[in-house]
Amino acid sequence: MGCCQKEKFIFTDISKEDKNNIDLILKKYDGRKGTLISILQEVQEKYNYLPIDILNYISLKTGVKPAKIHGVATFYTQFRLNPVGENMIMLCQGTACHVNGSKTIEESIFDELNIKDGETTDDGLFTLINVACLGCCSLSPVMMINDDTFGNLTAEKAKQIIRSIKEKSKRKGA
């Protein structure tokens, strides 16, 4: 890009409802510097990830360059640019968990859900993410599913937990 060209971005129109949602978030931070991370956190809380069209809309409304927004969204591991499942499985791969069998737990999750690290089940119910450490070393091996922590896991215990969540989901949907 030349020195005098303005940065361009692709803008796909978003729904009126999405515009209203984002406008409400942006209004909270109107005119305040250093609020991009807070804005992105609220957007992700609303949508469970950061849709690219909405990031572009934020750029348009705030004047922050799309490259900067994308850079922040990809730099911090808390942000996701792709949709995730209703239940986020974070499987610890830290030293204590590794030594106590986290790879076996990962294999059992693959057997139960047919997904690997970073993948989401076809029904959108589960996403598996391997993480460096959950800080629960005394419970190793450990995983979190959304806000719930499950420790002292075995392959069978991990499968039972997942089956229980599946069953609850079926009852909710029925």
Protein backbone atom coordinates (compact mmCIF):
# COMPACT_ATOMS: atom_id res chain seq x y z
CA MET A 1 0.00 0.00 0.00
CA GLY A 2 1.38 3.39 -0.90
CA CYS A 3 2.14 6.06 1.64
CA CYS A 4 -0.83 8.19 0.76
CA GLN A 5 -3.51 5.54 0.27
CA LYS A 6 -6.10 5.02 2.94
CA GLU A 7 -6.41 1.55 4.35
CA LYS A 8 -9.35 -0.26 2.81
CA PHE A 9 -11.44 -2.99 4.30
CA ILE A 10 -14.19 -5.23 3.11
CA PHE A 11 -17.50 -4.34 4.69
CA THR A 12 -20.35 -6.75 4.45
CA ASP A 13 -23.57 -5.28 5.72
CA ILE A 14 -24.75 -6.62 9.06
CA SER A 15 -28.32 -6.86 10.27
CA LYS A 16 -30.12 -3.95 11.87
CA GLU A 17 -30.28 -5.95 15.10
CA ASP A 18 -26.49 -6.47 15.05
CA LYS A 19 -25.94 -2.76 14.37
CA ASN A 20 -28.15 -1.89 17.32
CA ASN A 21 -26.31 -4.37 19.57
CA ILE A 22 -22.90 -3.01 18.58
CA ASP A 23 -24.02 0.62 18.75
CA LEU A 24 -25.16 0.05 22.35
CA ILE A 25 -21.77 -1.40 23.25
CA LEU A 26 -19.90 1.41 21.49
CA LYS A 27 -22.03 4.07 23.17
CA LYS A 28 -20.71 2.95 26.58
CA TYR A 29 -17.17 3.75 25.46
CA ASP A 30 -17.88 6.72 23.20
CA GLY A 31 -14.90 9.04 22.93
CA ARG A 32 -12.77 7.18 25.46
CA LYS A 33 -9.34 6.01 24.40
CA GLY A 34 -7.95 2.58 25.26
CA THR A 35 -11.30 0.79 25.23
CA LEU A 36 -10.85 -1.54 22.26
CA ILE A 37 -10.21 -4.64 24.37
CA SER A 38 -13.29 -3.93 26.50
CA ILE A 39 -15.38 -3.47 23.36
CA LEU A 40 -14.12 -6.74 21.89
CA GLN A 41 -14.77 -8.55 25.17
CA GLU A 42 -18.39 -7.37 25.19
CA VAL A 43 -18.88 -8.28 21.54
CA GLN A 44 -17.48 -11.75 22.15
CA GLU A 45 -19.70 -12.17 25.19
CA LYS A 46 -22.70 -11.30 23.02
CA TYR A 47 -21.82 -13.49 20.00
CA ASN A 48 -19.50 -16.08 21.61
CA TYR A 49 -16.83 -15.08 19.07
CA LEU A 50 -15.80 -12.01 17.03
CA PRO A 51 -17.52 -12.08 13.62
CA ILE A 52 -15.38 -10.36 10.98
CA ASP A 53 -18.29 -8.28 9.66
CA ILE A 54 -18.87 -6.92 13.14
CA LEU A 55 -15.17 -6.12 13.56
CA ASN A 56 -15.36 -4.17 10.32
CA TYR A 57 -18.47 -2.36 11.57
CA ILE A 58 -16.60 -1.44 14.77
CA SER A 59 -13.80 -0.05 12.62
CA LEU A 60 -16.25 1.98 10.58
CA LYS A 61 -17.95 3.39 13.68
CA THR A 62 -14.83 4.08 15.76
CA GLY A 63 -12.33 5.05 13.09
CA VAL A 64 -9.88 2.45 14.41
CA LYS A 65 -8.18 0.78 11.46
CA PRO A 66 -9.32 -2.77 10.70
CA ALA A 67 -5.72 -4.01 10.87
CA LYS A 68 -5.39 -2.73 14.43
CA ILE A 69 -8.67 -4.34 15.50
CA HIS A 70 -7.70 -7.62 13.85
CA GLY A 71 -4.24 -7.40 15.40
CA VAL A 72 -5.70 -7.05 18.90
CA ALA A 73 -8.24 -9.81 18.26
CA THR A 74 -5.55 -12.24 17.11
CA PHE A 75 -2.88 -11.27 19.66
CA TYR A 76 -4.91 -12.07 22.80
CA THR A 77 -5.80 -15.72 23.28
CA GLN A 78 -9.08 -14.79 24.96
CA PHE A 79 -10.53 -13.74 21.61
CA ARG A 80 -11.97 -16.13 19.05
CA LEU A 81 -12.54 -15.32 15.38
CA ASN A 82 -14.51 -18.48 14.67
CA PRO A 83 -17.74 -19.75 16.17
CA VAL A 84 -17.35 -22.20 19.02
CA GLY A 85 -19.62 -24.83 20.49
CA GLU A 86 -22.14 -24.23 23.20
CA ASN A 87 -19.79 -26.10 25.56
CA MET A 88 -16.14 -25.08 25.46
CA ILE A 89 -13.92 -27.92 26.69
CA MET A 90 -10.57 -26.56 27.83
CA LEU A 91 -8.25 -29.47 28.43
CA CYS A 92 -5.13 -28.71 30.43
CA GLN A 93 -1.86 -29.83 28.87
CA GLY A 94 0.38 -28.38 31.59
CA THR A 95 3.20 -30.43 33.08
CA ALA A 96 1.22 -31.97 35.97
CA CYS A 97 -1.71 -32.83 33.70
CA HIS A 98 0.57 -34.19 30.98
CA VAL A 99 2.41 -36.42 33.45
CA ASN A 100 -0.92 -37.65 34.84
CA GLY A 101 -2.48 -38.57 31.52
CA SER A 102 -3.98 -35.57 29.74
CA LYS A 103 -3.14 -37.09 26.35
CA THR A 104 -5.24 -40.14 27.25
CA ILE A 105 -8.08 -37.79 28.22
CA GLU A 106 -7.70 -36.00 24.88
CA GLU A 107 -7.93 -39.33 23.06
CA SER A 108 -11.09 -40.24 24.99
CA ILE A 109 -12.67 -36.90 24.03
CA PHE A 110 -11.80 -37.60 20.41
CA ASP A 111 -13.37 -41.06 20.72
CA GLU A 112 -16.53 -39.61 22.27
CA LEU A 113 -16.96 -36.50 20.11
CA ASN A 114 -14.80 -37.13 17.04
CA ILE A 115 -13.11 -33.73 17.35
CA LYS A 116 -9.49 -32.73 17.83
CA ASP A 117 -7.94 -29.64 19.37
CA GLY A 118 -9.55 -26.50 17.94
CA GLU A 119 -12.50 -28.32 16.37
CA THR A 120 -16.22 -28.10 17.03
CA THR A 121 -18.73 -30.93 16.82
CA ASP A 122 -21.06 -30.88 13.82
CA ASP A 123 -24.04 -30.20 16.07
CA GLY A 124 -22.28 -27.15 17.58
CA LEU A 125 -22.51 -28.57 21.08
CA PHE A 126 -18.78 -28.92 21.93
CA THR A 127 -15.46 -27.30 21.05
CA LEU A 128 -12.17 -28.74 22.30
CA ILE A 129 -9.28 -26.43 23.09
CA ASN A 130 -6.00 -27.61 24.60
CA VAL A 131 -4.63 -25.01 27.01
CA ALA A 132 -1.19 -24.58 28.53
CA CYS A 133 -2.38 -24.54 32.15
CA LEU A 134 -5.62 -24.13 34.06
CA GLY A 135 -3.86 -23.58 37.39
CA CYS A 136 -5.46 -26.61 39.04
CA CYS A 137 -2.36 -28.80 39.23
CA SER A 138 -3.50 -30.60 42.39
CA LEU A 139 -6.54 -31.85 40.42
CA SER A 140 -4.56 -33.12 37.43
CA PRO A 141 -5.50 -34.17 34.89
CA VAL A 142 -8.14 -31.47 34.65
CA MET A 143 -10.52 -29.90 32.16
CA MET A 144 -12.98 -27.07 32.29
CA ILE A 145 -16.26 -27.10 30.43
CA ASN A 146 -17.55 -23.54 30.34
CA ASP A 147 -17.30 -22.45 34.00
CA ASP A 148 -17.17 -25.93 35.56
CA THR A 149 -13.90 -27.60 36.53
CA PHE A 150 -13.48 -31.37 36.45
CA GLY A 151 -10.39 -32.88 38.04
CA ASN A 152 -8.74 -36.22 38.75
CA LEU A 153 -9.96 -37.31 35.34
CA THR A 154 -9.78 -40.72 33.78
CA ALA A 155 -10.69 -41.45 30.18
CA GLU A 156 -14.00 -42.98 31.29
CA LYS A 157 -14.81 -40.12 33.69
CA ALA A 158 -14.25 -37.57 30.90
CA LYS A 159 -16.60 -39.52 28.61
CA GLN A 160 -19.26 -39.73 31.34
CA ILE A 161 -19.11 -35.97 31.91
CA ILE A 162 -19.54 -35.31 28.20
CA ARG A 163 -22.40 -37.82 27.95
CA SER A 164 -24.13 -36.14 30.88
CA ILE A 165 -23.90 -32.74 29.16
CA LYS A 166 -25.23 -34.26 25.93
CA GLU A 167 -28.18 -35.75 27.82
CA LYS A 168 -29.00 -32.43 29.52
CA SER A 169 -28.84 -30.72 26.15
CA LYS A 170 -31.27 -33.25 24.65
CA ARG A 171 -33.73 -32.68 27.51
CA LYS A 172 -33.49 -28.90 27.08
CA GLY A 173 -34.08 -29.17 23.34
CA ALA A 174 -36.97 -31.62 23.62
